C-alpha atoms as a PDB file:
ATOM      1  CA  MET A   1      68.113 -53.314 -64.865  1.00  0.00           C
ATOM      2  CA  VAL A   2      69.430 -52.518 -61.416  1.00  0.00           C
ATOM      3  CA  ARG A   3      66.755 -52.131 -58.751  1.00  0.00           C
ATOM      4  CA  LEU A   4      67.579 -49.800 -55.911  1.00  0.00           C
ATOM      5  CA  THR A   5      66.131 -50.456 -52.458  1.00  0.00           C
ATOM      6  CA  PHE A   6      65.929 -48.138 -49.486  1.00  0.00           C
ATOM      7  CA  LYS A   7      65.698 -49.202 -45.868  1.00  0.00           C
ATOM      8  CA  LEU A   8      64.384 -46.792 -43.255  1.00  0.00           C
ATOM      9  CA  PRO A   9      67.172 -45.915 -40.836  1.00  0.00           C
ATOM     10  CA  ARG A  10      66.753 -47.024 -37.271  1.00  0.00           C
ATOM     11  CA  GLY A  11      67.203 -45.315 -33.909  1.00  0.00           C
ATOM     12  CA  SER A  12      68.331 -41.705 -33.887  1.00  0.00           C
ATOM     13  CA  GLN A  13      68.575 -41.606 -37.691  1.00  0.00           C
ATOM     14  CA  ALA A  14      64.890 -42.578 -37.983  1.00  0.00           C
ATOM     15  CA  LYS A  15      63.910 -39.852 -35.507  1.00  0.00           C
ATOM     16  CA  TYR A  16      65.950 -37.327 -37.459  1.00  0.00           C
ATOM     17  CA  LEU A  17      64.234 -38.371 -40.695  1.00  0.00           C
ATOM     18  CA  ARG A  18      60.779 -38.038 -39.128  1.00  0.00           C
ATOM     19  CA  ARG A  19      61.615 -34.552 -37.797  1.00  0.00           C
ATOM     20  CA  THR A  20      62.918 -33.502 -41.202  1.00  0.00           C
ATOM     21  CA  LEU A  21      59.774 -34.719 -42.968  1.00  0.00           C
ATOM     22  CA  SER A  22      57.595 -33.006 -40.346  1.00  0.00           C
ATOM     23  CA  MET A  23      59.438 -29.709 -40.834  1.00  0.00           C
ATOM     24  CA  GLN A  24      59.075 -29.989 -44.604  1.00  0.00           C
ATOM     25  CA  LYS A  25      55.325 -30.536 -44.245  1.00  0.00           C
ATOM     26  CA  LYS A  26      54.984 -27.522 -41.940  1.00  0.00           C
ATOM     27  CA  GLN A  27      56.968 -25.325 -44.346  1.00  0.00           C
ATOM     28  CA  GLU A  28      54.826 -26.457 -47.268  1.00  0.00           C
ATOM     29  CA  SER A  29      51.676 -25.792 -45.227  1.00  0.00           C
ATOM     30  CA  LYS A  30      52.953 -22.281 -44.441  1.00  0.00           C
ATOM     31  CA  ARG A  31      53.658 -21.625 -48.129  1.00  0.00           C
ATOM     32  CA  MET A  32      50.137 -22.795 -48.988  1.00  0.00           C
ATOM     33  CA  ASN A  33      48.663 -20.447 -46.364  1.00  0.00           C
ATOM     34  CA  LEU A  34      50.623 -17.503 -47.786  1.00  0.00           C
ATOM     35  CA  ARG A  35      49.138 -18.190 -51.226  1.00  0.00           C
ATOM     36  CA  ARG A  36      45.639 -18.821 -49.888  1.00  0.00           C
ATOM     37  CA  THR A  37      43.307 -15.917 -49.248  1.00  0.00           C
ATOM     38  CA  LEU A  38      39.669 -16.122 -48.292  1.00  0.00           C
ATOM     39  CA  LYS A  39      37.197 -13.255 -48.652  1.00  0.00           C
ATOM     40  CA  VAL A  40      34.225 -13.577 -46.292  1.00  0.00           C
ATOM     41  CA  PRO A  41      31.130 -11.289 -46.323  1.00  0.00           C
ATOM     42  CA  THR A  42      30.349  -9.642 -42.988  1.00  0.00           C
ATOM     43  CA  GLU A  43      27.107 -11.601 -42.578  1.00  0.00           C
ATOM     44  CA  LYS A  44      29.095 -14.860 -42.708  1.00  0.00           C
ATOM     45  CA  LEU A  45      31.490 -13.836 -39.934  1.00  0.00           C
ATOM     46  CA  ILE A  46      29.041 -15.179 -37.344  1.00  0.00           C
ATOM     47  CA  GLU A  47      30.096 -18.671 -38.455  1.00  0.00           C
ATOM     48  CA  GLU A  48      33.196 -20.575 -37.357  1.00  0.00           C
ATOM     49  CA  PRO A  49      36.113 -20.317 -37.692  1.00  0.00           C
ATOM     50  CA  TYR A  50      35.680 -16.626 -38.565  1.00  0.00           C
ATOM     51  CA  ALA A  51      33.766 -15.866 -35.361  1.00  0.00           C
ATOM     52  CA  SER A  52      36.729 -17.018 -33.279  1.00  0.00           C
ATOM     53  CA  VAL A  53      38.981 -14.440 -34.962  1.00  0.00           C
ATOM     54  CA  LEU A  54      36.610 -11.595 -34.081  1.00  0.00           C
ATOM     55  CA  THR A  55      36.538 -12.629 -30.405  1.00  0.00           C
ATOM     56  CA  TYR A  56      40.017 -14.136 -30.111  1.00  0.00           C
ATOM     57  CA  PRO A  57      41.077 -15.846 -27.866  1.00  0.00           C
ATOM     58  CA  LYS A  58      37.832 -16.324 -25.905  1.00  0.00           C
ATOM     59  CA  PRO A  59      34.766 -17.012 -28.115  1.00  0.00           C
ATOM     60  CA  ASN A  60      31.680 -15.229 -26.818  1.00  0.00           C
ATOM     61  CA  ASN A  61      28.382 -15.020 -28.721  1.00  0.00           C
ATOM     62  CA  VAL A  62      27.206 -11.845 -27.010  1.00  0.00           C
ATOM     63  CA  GLU A  63      30.511 -10.079 -27.726  1.00  0.00           C
ATOM     64  CA  LEU A  64      30.518 -11.472 -31.274  1.00  0.00           C
ATOM     65  CA  ARG A  65      27.140  -9.956 -32.147  1.00  0.00           C
ATOM     66  CA  ARG A  66      28.178  -6.651 -30.599  1.00  0.00           C
ATOM     67  CA  ARG A  67      31.317  -6.587 -32.726  1.00  0.00           C
ATOM     68  CA  LEU A  68      29.442  -7.506 -35.891  1.00  0.00           C
ATOM     69  CA  ARG A  69      27.214  -4.480 -35.357  1.00  0.00           C
ATOM     70  CA  GLU A  70      30.344  -2.331 -34.927  1.00  0.00           C
ATOM     71  CA  LEU A  71      31.734  -3.590 -38.232  1.00  0.00           C
ATOM     72  CA  GLN A  72      28.501  -2.726 -40.001  1.00  0.00           C
ATOM     73  CA  LYS A  73      28.582   0.800 -38.564  1.00  0.00           C
ATOM     74  CA  LEU A  74      32.160   1.159 -39.831  1.00  0.00           C
ATOM     75  CA  GLY A  75      30.953   0.236 -43.318  1.00  0.00           C
ATOM     76  CA  VAL A  76      32.922  -3.024 -43.530  1.00  0.00           C
ATOM     77  CA  SER A  77      31.360  -5.347 -46.113  1.00  0.00           C
ATOM     78  CA  ALA A  78      33.834  -8.248 -45.915  1.00  0.00           C
ATOM     79  CA  LEU A  79      37.090  -9.478 -44.379  1.00  0.00           C
ATOM     80  CA  GLU A  80      39.899 -11.145 -46.268  1.00  0.00           C
ATOM     81  CA  PHE A  81      41.976 -13.752 -44.489  1.00  0.00           C
ATOM     82  CA  GLY A  82      45.549 -14.066 -45.711  1.00  0.00           C
ATOM     83  CA  GLY A  83      49.065 -13.520 -44.409  1.00  0.00           C
ATOM     84  CA  GLU A  84      51.979 -15.077 -42.563  1.00  0.00           C
ATOM     85  CA  LYS A  85      50.346 -15.427 -39.130  1.00  0.00           C
ATOM     86  CA  GLN A  86      47.559 -17.776 -38.075  1.00  0.00           C
ATOM     87  CA  VAL A  87      44.554 -17.401 -35.785  1.00  0.00           C
ATOM     88  CA  SER A  88      41.999 -20.195 -35.420  1.00  0.00           C
ATOM     89  CA  ASN A  89      43.655 -21.933 -38.402  1.00  0.00           C
ATOM     90  CA  LEU A  90      43.036 -18.879 -40.577  1.00  0.00           C
ATOM     91  CA  PRO A  91      45.865 -16.785 -42.097  1.00  0.00           C
ATOM     92  CA  VAL A  92      46.013 -13.144 -40.955  1.00  0.00           C
ATOM     93  CA  LEU A  93      48.306 -10.187 -41.589  1.00  0.00           C
ATOM     94  CA  GLY A  94      49.356  -9.756 -37.985  1.00  0.00           C
ATOM     95  CA  LYS A  95      48.877 -11.043 -34.460  1.00  0.00           C
ATOM     96  CA  GLY A  96      49.974  -9.218 -31.322  1.00  0.00           C
ATOM     97  CA  CYS A  97      49.213  -8.820 -27.638  1.00  0.00           C
ATOM     98  CA  VAL A  98      46.548  -6.201 -28.319  1.00  0.00           C
ATOM     99  CA  GLY A  99      45.035  -7.117 -31.663  1.00  0.00           C
ATOM    100  CA  ILE A 100      44.678  -9.189 -34.802  1.00  0.00           C
ATOM    101  CA  VAL A 101      45.162  -7.499 -38.198  1.00  0.00           C
ATOM    102  CA  THR A 102      43.247  -8.562 -41.312  1.00  0.00           C
ATOM    103  CA  ILE A 103      42.213  -7.001 -44.609  1.00  0.00           C
ATOM    104  CA  ALA A 104      38.770  -5.395 -44.649  1.00  0.00           C
ATOM    105  CA  TYR A 105      36.688  -4.122 -47.553  1.00  0.00           C
ATOM    106  CA  VAL A 106      35.040  -0.713 -47.290  1.00  0.00           C
ATOM    107  CA  SER A 107      33.159   0.652 -50.295  1.00  0.00           C
ATOM    108  CA  GLY A 108      34.851  -2.008 -52.392  1.00  0.00           C
ATOM    109  CA  ARG A 109      38.369  -0.957 -51.415  1.00  0.00           C
ATOM    110  CA  LYS A 110      40.939  -2.707 -49.239  1.00  0.00           C
ATOM    111  CA  ALA A 111      41.766  -1.386 -45.785  1.00  0.00           C
ATOM    112  CA  ALA A 112      43.666  -2.775 -42.810  1.00  0.00           C
ATOM    113  CA  LEU A 113      41.494  -3.714 -39.835  1.00  0.00           C
ATOM    114  CA  LYS A 114      42.934  -4.136 -36.351  1.00  0.00           C
ATOM    115  CA  ILE A 115      40.643  -6.218 -34.124  1.00  0.00           C
ATOM    116  CA  ARG A 116      41.031  -5.772 -30.362  1.00  0.00           C
ATOM    117  CA  ARG A 117      41.692  -9.056 -28.604  1.00  0.00           C
ATOM    118  CA  VAL A 118      39.157  -9.935 -25.913  1.00  0.00           C
ATOM    119  CA  ASP A 119      42.029 -10.415 -23.445  1.00  0.00           C
ATOM    120  CA  ALA A 120      43.898  -7.225 -24.417  1.00  0.00           C
ATOM    121  CA  ASP A 121      45.341  -5.077 -21.627  1.00  0.00           C
ATOM    122  CA  ARG A 122      43.167  -2.174 -22.791  1.00  0.00           C
ATOM    123  CA  SER A 123      39.405  -1.943 -23.085  1.00  0.00           C
ATOM    124  CA  ARG A 124      39.164   0.322 -26.128  1.00  0.00           C
ATOM    125  CA  MET A 125      40.995   1.214 -29.353  1.00  0.00           C
ATOM    126  CA  GLU A 126      40.417   4.962 -29.154  1.00  0.00           C
ATOM    127  CA  HIS A 127      43.865   5.744 -27.711  1.00  0.00           C
ATOM    128  CA  GLU A 128      45.692   4.103 -30.601  1.00  0.00           C
ATOM    129  CA  ALA A 129      43.347   5.855 -33.032  1.00  0.00           C
ATOM    130  CA  GLU A 130      44.154   9.214 -31.436  1.00  0.00           C
ATOM    131  CA  MET A 131      47.909   8.556 -31.576  1.00  0.00           C
ATOM    132  CA  LEU A 132      47.711   7.486 -35.231  1.00  0.00           C
ATOM    133  CA  GLU A 133      45.680  10.568 -36.078  1.00  0.00           C
ATOM    134  CA  ARG A 134      48.345  12.779 -34.487  1.00  0.00           C
ATOM    135  CA  ALA A 135      51.050  10.948 -36.468  1.00  0.00           C
ATOM    136  CA  ASN A 136      49.012  11.437 -39.653  1.00  0.00           C
ATOM    137  CA  SER A 137      49.045  15.196 -38.994  1.00  0.00           C
ATOM    138  CA  VAL A 138      52.769  15.185 -39.875  1.00  0.00           C
ATOM    139  CA  ASN A 139      52.415  12.607 -42.671  1.00  0.00           C
ATOM    140  CA  VAL A 140      53.537   9.616 -40.611  1.00  0.00           C
ATOM    141  CA  GLY A 141      51.850   6.206 -40.492  1.00  0.00           C
ATOM    142  CA  PRO A 142      49.037   4.623 -42.507  1.00  0.00           C
ATOM    143  CA  ARG A 143      46.061   6.966 -42.849  1.00  0.00           C
ATOM    144  CA  LEU A 144      43.426   6.516 -40.144  1.00  0.00           C
ATOM    145  CA  LEU A 145      40.012   5.857 -41.711  1.00  0.00           C
ATOM    146  CA  LYS A 146      37.658   5.067 -38.829  1.00  0.00           C
ATOM    147  CA  ALA A 147      37.736   3.655 -35.306  1.00  0.00           C
ATOM    148  CA  SER A 148      35.376   2.204 -32.720  1.00  0.00           C
ATOM    149  CA  LYS A 149      35.690   0.520 -29.335  1.00  0.00           C
ATOM    150  CA  ASN A 150      37.023  -2.758 -30.749  1.00  0.00           C
ATOM    151  CA  PHE A 151      38.258  -1.885 -34.232  1.00  0.00           C
ATOM    152  CA  LEU A 152      40.801   0.342 -35.930  1.00  0.00           C
ATOM    153  CA  LEU A 153      40.316   0.853 -39.665  1.00  0.00           C
ATOM    154  CA  MET A 154      43.257   2.294 -41.571  1.00  0.00           C
ATOM    155  CA  GLU A 155      44.987   2.503 -44.927  1.00  0.00           C
ATOM    156  CA  PHE A 156      46.212  -0.880 -46.165  1.00  0.00           C
ATOM    157  CA  VAL A 157      49.953  -0.819 -46.828  1.00  0.00           C
ATOM    158  CA  ASP A 158      50.850  -3.557 -49.295  1.00  0.00           C
ATOM    159  CA  GLY A 159      54.527  -4.206 -48.728  1.00  0.00           C
ATOM    160  CA  GLU A 160      57.203  -5.933 -46.666  1.00  0.00           C
ATOM    161  CA  LEU A 161      58.651  -5.436 -43.205  1.00  0.00           C
ATOM    162  CA  LEU A 162      61.973  -3.581 -43.255  1.00  0.00           C
ATOM    163  CA  PRO A 163      64.264  -6.532 -42.334  1.00  0.00           C
ATOM    164  CA  LYS A 164      62.822  -8.708 -45.110  1.00  0.00           C
ATOM    165  CA  TRP A 165      62.906  -5.807 -47.585  1.00  0.00           C
ATOM    166  CA  LEU A 166      66.592  -5.223 -46.838  1.00  0.00           C
ATOM    167  CA  GLU A 167      67.368  -8.874 -47.563  1.00  0.00           C
ATOM    168  CA  LYS A 168      65.627  -8.949 -50.921  1.00  0.00           C
ATOM    169  CA  LYS A 169      65.473  -5.522 -52.492  1.00  0.00           C
ATOM    170  CA  GLY A 170      66.969  -2.102 -52.873  1.00  0.00           C
ATOM    171  CA  THR A 171      70.082  -0.617 -54.427  1.00  0.00           C
ATOM    172  CA  LYS A 172      72.435   1.385 -52.226  1.00  0.00           C
ATOM    173  CA  ALA A 173      70.763   4.628 -53.325  1.00  0.00           C
ATOM    174  CA  GLN A 174      67.252   3.253 -52.719  1.00  0.00           C
ATOM    175  CA  VAL A 175      68.120   1.980 -49.239  1.00  0.00           C
ATOM    176  CA  ARG A 176      69.733   5.304 -48.284  1.00  0.00           C
ATOM    177  CA  ARG A 177      66.617   7.143 -49.472  1.00  0.00           C
ATOM    178  CA  VAL A 178      64.279   4.869 -47.489  1.00  0.00           C
ATOM    179  CA  ILE A 179      66.345   5.060 -44.292  1.00  0.00           C
ATOM    180  CA  ARG A 180      66.626   8.847 -44.561  1.00  0.00           C
ATOM    181  CA  ASP A 181      62.833   9.029 -44.979  1.00  0.00           C
ATOM    182  CA  VAL A 182      62.351   6.870 -41.852  1.00  0.00           C
ATOM    183  CA  LEU A 183      64.603   9.153 -39.803  1.00  0.00           C
ATOM    184  CA  GLN A 184      62.805  12.253 -41.088  1.00  0.00           C
ATOM    185  CA  GLN A 185      59.464  10.738 -40.079  1.00  0.00           C
ATOM    186  CA  CYS A 186      60.863  10.058 -36.610  1.00  0.00           C
ATOM    187  CA  TRP A 187      62.101  13.658 -36.442  1.00  0.00           C
ATOM    188  CA  ARG A 188      58.593  14.925 -37.237  1.00  0.00           C
ATOM    189  CA  LEU A 189      57.147  12.741 -34.472  1.00  0.00           C
ATOM    190  CA  ASP A 190      59.720  14.151 -32.039  1.00  0.00           C
ATOM    191  CA  VAL A 191      58.762  17.705 -33.054  1.00  0.00           C
ATOM    192  CA  ILE A 192      55.071  17.173 -32.197  1.00  0.00           C
ATOM    193  CA  GLY A 193      55.951  15.409 -28.932  1.00  0.00           C
ATOM    194  CA  LEU A 194      54.616  11.981 -29.899  1.00  0.00           C
ATOM    195  CA  ASP A 195      56.746   9.026 -28.789  1.00  0.00           C
ATOM    196  CA  HIS A 196      56.079   5.780 -30.671  1.00  0.00           C
ATOM    197  CA  GLY A 197      57.524   3.721 -27.824  1.00  0.00           C
ATOM    198  CA  GLU A 198      58.742   0.650 -29.716  1.00  0.00           C
ATOM    199  CA  LEU A 199      61.254   1.848 -32.301  1.00  0.00           C
ATOM    200  CA  SER A 200      64.384   0.687 -30.461  1.00  0.00           C
ATOM    201  CA  HIS A 201      63.273  -2.821 -31.442  1.00  0.00           C
ATOM    202  CA  ALA A 202      61.307  -2.284 -34.624  1.00  0.00           C
ATOM    203  CA  PRO A 203      61.414  -5.392 -36.848  1.00  0.00           C
ATOM    204  CA  LYS A 204      57.614  -5.293 -37.177  1.00  0.00           C
ATOM    205  CA  HIS A 205      57.037  -1.546 -37.031  1.00  0.00           C
ATOM    206  CA  ILE A 206      58.289  -0.353 -40.434  1.00  0.00           C
ATOM    207  CA  ILE A 207      56.693  -1.496 -43.697  1.00  0.00           C
ATOM    208  CA  ILE A 208      58.110  -0.614 -47.109  1.00  0.00           C
ATOM    209  CA  ASP A 209      55.373  -0.512 -49.753  1.00  0.00           C
ATOM    210  CA  LYS A 210      55.738  -1.614 -53.377  1.00  0.00           C
ATOM    211  CA  ASP A 211      56.754   1.908 -54.409  1.00  0.00           C
ATOM    212  CA  GLY A 212      59.562   1.969 -51.858  1.00  0.00           C
ATOM    213  CA  LYS A 213      57.774   4.258 -49.410  1.00  0.00           C
ATOM    214  CA  PRO A 214      58.319   3.497 -45.697  1.00  0.00           C
ATOM    215  CA  PHE A 215      55.454   3.501 -43.203  1.00  0.00           C
ATOM    216  CA  ILE A 216      55.853   3.495 -39.426  1.00  0.00           C
ATOM    217  CA  VAL A 217      53.017   1.393 -38.012  1.00  0.00           C
ATOM    218  CA  ASP A 218      51.506   0.190 -34.738  1.00  0.00           C
ATOM    219  CA  PHE A 219      50.960   3.145 -32.411  1.00  0.00           C
ATOM    220  CA  GLU A 220      49.291   1.125 -29.630  1.00  0.00           C
ATOM    221  CA  THR A 221      51.929   2.077 -27.017  1.00  0.00           C
ATOM    222  CA  ALA A 222      52.513   5.598 -28.342  1.00  0.00           C
ATOM    223  CA  SER A 223      52.230   8.516 -25.931  1.00  0.00           C
ATOM    224  CA  VAL A 224      52.388  12.303 -25.713  1.00  0.00           C
ATOM    225  CA  ASN A 225      53.012  12.119 -21.965  1.00  0.00           C
ATOM    226  CA  ARG A 226      56.648  11.046 -22.089  1.00  0.00           C
ATOM    227  CA  ARG A 227      59.738  12.561 -23.660  1.00  0.00           C
ATOM    228  CA  PRO A 228      59.844  11.529 -27.339  1.00  0.00           C
ATOM    229  CA  SER A 229      62.875   9.492 -28.378  1.00  0.00           C
ATOM    230  CA  ASN A 230      61.942   8.361 -31.877  1.00  0.00           C
ATOM    231  CA  VAL A 231      65.124   9.489 -33.644  1.00  0.00           C
ATOM    232  CA  THR A 232      67.465   8.058 -31.000  1.00  0.00           C
ATOM    233  CA  SER A 233      65.490   4.798 -30.790  1.00  0.00           C
ATOM    234  CA  ILE A 234      65.335   4.160 -34.541  1.00  0.00           C
ATOM    235  CA  CYS A 235      69.043   4.964 -34.966  1.00  0.00           C
ATOM    236  CA  GLN A 236      69.855   2.404 -32.290  1.00  0.00           C
ATOM    237  CA  PHE A 237      67.805  -0.191 -34.172  1.00  0.00           C
ATOM    238  CA  LEU A 238      69.162   0.657 -37.621  1.00  0.00           C
ATOM    239  CA  PHE A 239      72.843   1.326 -36.945  1.00  0.00           C
ATOM    240  CA  ILE A 240      73.812  -0.097 -33.547  1.00  0.00           C
ATOM    241  CA  SER A 241      71.802  -3.276 -33.037  1.00  0.00           C
ATOM    242  CA  GLY A 242      68.657  -4.583 -34.762  1.00  0.00           C
ATOM    243  CA  VAL A 243      69.263  -4.628 -38.527  1.00  0.00           C
ATOM    244  CA  ALA A 244      72.690  -2.967 -38.359  1.00  0.00           C
ATOM    245  CA  GLU A 245      74.487  -5.822 -40.142  1.00  0.00           C
ATOM    246  CA  LYS A 246      71.883  -6.115 -42.905  1.00  0.00           C
ATOM    247  CA  LEU A 247      71.938  -2.362 -43.415  1.00  0.00           C
ATOM    248  CA  ALA A 248      75.754  -2.284 -43.499  1.00  0.00           C
ATOM    249  CA  ASP A 249      75.694  -4.917 -46.241  1.00  0.00           C
ATOM    250  CA  LYS A 250      73.609  -2.516 -48.333  1.00  0.00           C
ATOM    251  CA  ILE A 251      75.114   0.901 -47.661  1.00  0.00           C
ATOM    252  CA  GLY A 252      78.432   0.145 -45.988  1.00  0.00           C
ATOM    253  CA  GLU A 253      79.713   0.320 -42.416  1.00  0.00           C
ATOM    254  CA  ARG A 254      79.046   3.430 -40.367  1.00  0.00           C
ATOM    255  CA  ASP A 255      81.085   4.856 -37.484  1.00  0.00           C
ATOM    256  CA  LYS A 256      78.986   3.846 -34.458  1.00  0.00           C
ATOM    257  CA  LYS A 257      80.937   6.089 -32.109  1.00  0.00           C
ATOM    258  CA  LEU A 258      80.239   9.088 -34.334  1.00  0.00           C
ATOM    259  CA  ILE A 259      76.536   8.186 -34.490  1.00  0.00           C
ATOM    260  CA  LEU A 260      76.286   7.829 -30.696  1.00  0.00           C
ATOM    261  CA  GLU A 261      77.988  11.191 -30.199  1.00  0.00           C
ATOM    262  CA  ALA A 262      75.538  12.863 -32.603  1.00  0.00           C
ATOM    263  CA  LEU A 263      72.582  11.185 -30.863  1.00  0.00           C
ATOM    264  CA  LYS A 264      73.815  12.331 -27.463  1.00  0.00           C
ATOM    265  CA  ARG A 265      73.989  15.901 -28.720  1.00  0.00           C
ATOM    266  CA  TYR A 266      70.533  15.595 -30.309  1.00  0.00           C
ATOM    267  CA  LYS A 267      69.078  14.143 -27.118  1.00  0.00           C
ATOM    268  CA  GLY A 268      70.419  17.103 -25.151  1.00  0.00           C
ATOM    269  CA  CYS A 269      68.864  19.589 -27.570  1.00  0.00           C
ATOM    270  CA  ARG A 270      66.353  18.441 -30.169  1.00  0.00           C
ATOM    271  CA  ASN A 271      66.649  20.996 -32.951  1.00  0.00           C
ATOM    272  CA  GLN A 272      66.977  20.935 -36.739  1.00  0.00           C
ATOM    273  CA  GLY A 273      70.729  21.488 -36.667  1.00  0.00           C
ATOM    274  CA  ASN A 274      71.413  18.560 -34.351  1.00  0.00           C
ATOM    275  CA  PHE A 275      69.077  16.350 -36.374  1.00  0.00           C
ATOM    276  CA  GLU A 276      71.031  17.197 -39.524  1.00  0.00           C
ATOM    277  CA  ARG A 277      74.202  16.163 -37.674  1.00  0.00           C
ATOM    278  CA  VAL A 278      72.579  12.809 -36.899  1.00  0.00           C
ATOM    279  CA  LEU A 279      71.787  12.337 -40.599  1.00  0.00           C
ATOM    280  CA  LYS A 280      75.364  13.212 -41.532  1.00  0.00           C
ATOM    281  CA  SER A 281      76.828  10.802 -38.969  1.00  0.00           C
ATOM    282  CA  CYS A 282      74.642   8.050 -40.476  1.00  0.00           C
ATOM    283  CA  GLY A 283      75.906   8.862 -43.953  1.00  0.00           C
ATOM    284  CA  LEU A 284      72.489  10.028 -45.125  1.00  0.00           C
END
């Protein structure tokens, strides 16, 4: 029998090996977190580490109790911790400058709950709730359920962000249908004068659910006080920069000059005819 021996490399090779092993451990830990979900009744949220999520990033007992009362008034019976992001060593669906997103249970059904960060640059969630409600009026965005000072409760969209969805799923026909739907939603937002504000860089603002339906999300910077540019912004993201290469791999290259000309015409006069020209220039 031949016995094989292995000696740990020295110097730079040893450092490289340690970094590789560390990265592997982190990746495995992330995979474990994605599989792990934890459902916690509302009355248990006063305990750590759950309390730190409700008052992230500055724990405060007075604020915590106030927020727990808000959750009870909203009818939330439990929170479920799971997702790709982490807060206080707990997995969550999303983490941004304004809020943390988790799953909530209301009357036994799942909903998405956005929790206002204690250090957010706004003191209330009502503005985002109002913007989402306006978007809902033209069948855009997850359905608004309830809102309070520190919480936004809305329809839970079980799906994937657009860039990841493009990498993994969708035939040419399916992708064309989804992208056309996204542009039509943006057109409806333009018509009612609601500007989303973040669609020119939208890797985290479009979710495709398991039935292939796209949802535009996150209306925290939306406004009705500026000129809407949803169609032009999303076309820039989809066909000019952003996910342009991934999209081209699915549906083929598009003439960027033709798209920019159609967008310029649409920007000068936002009407149905010019929007249809934008769709045609995008091959939709």
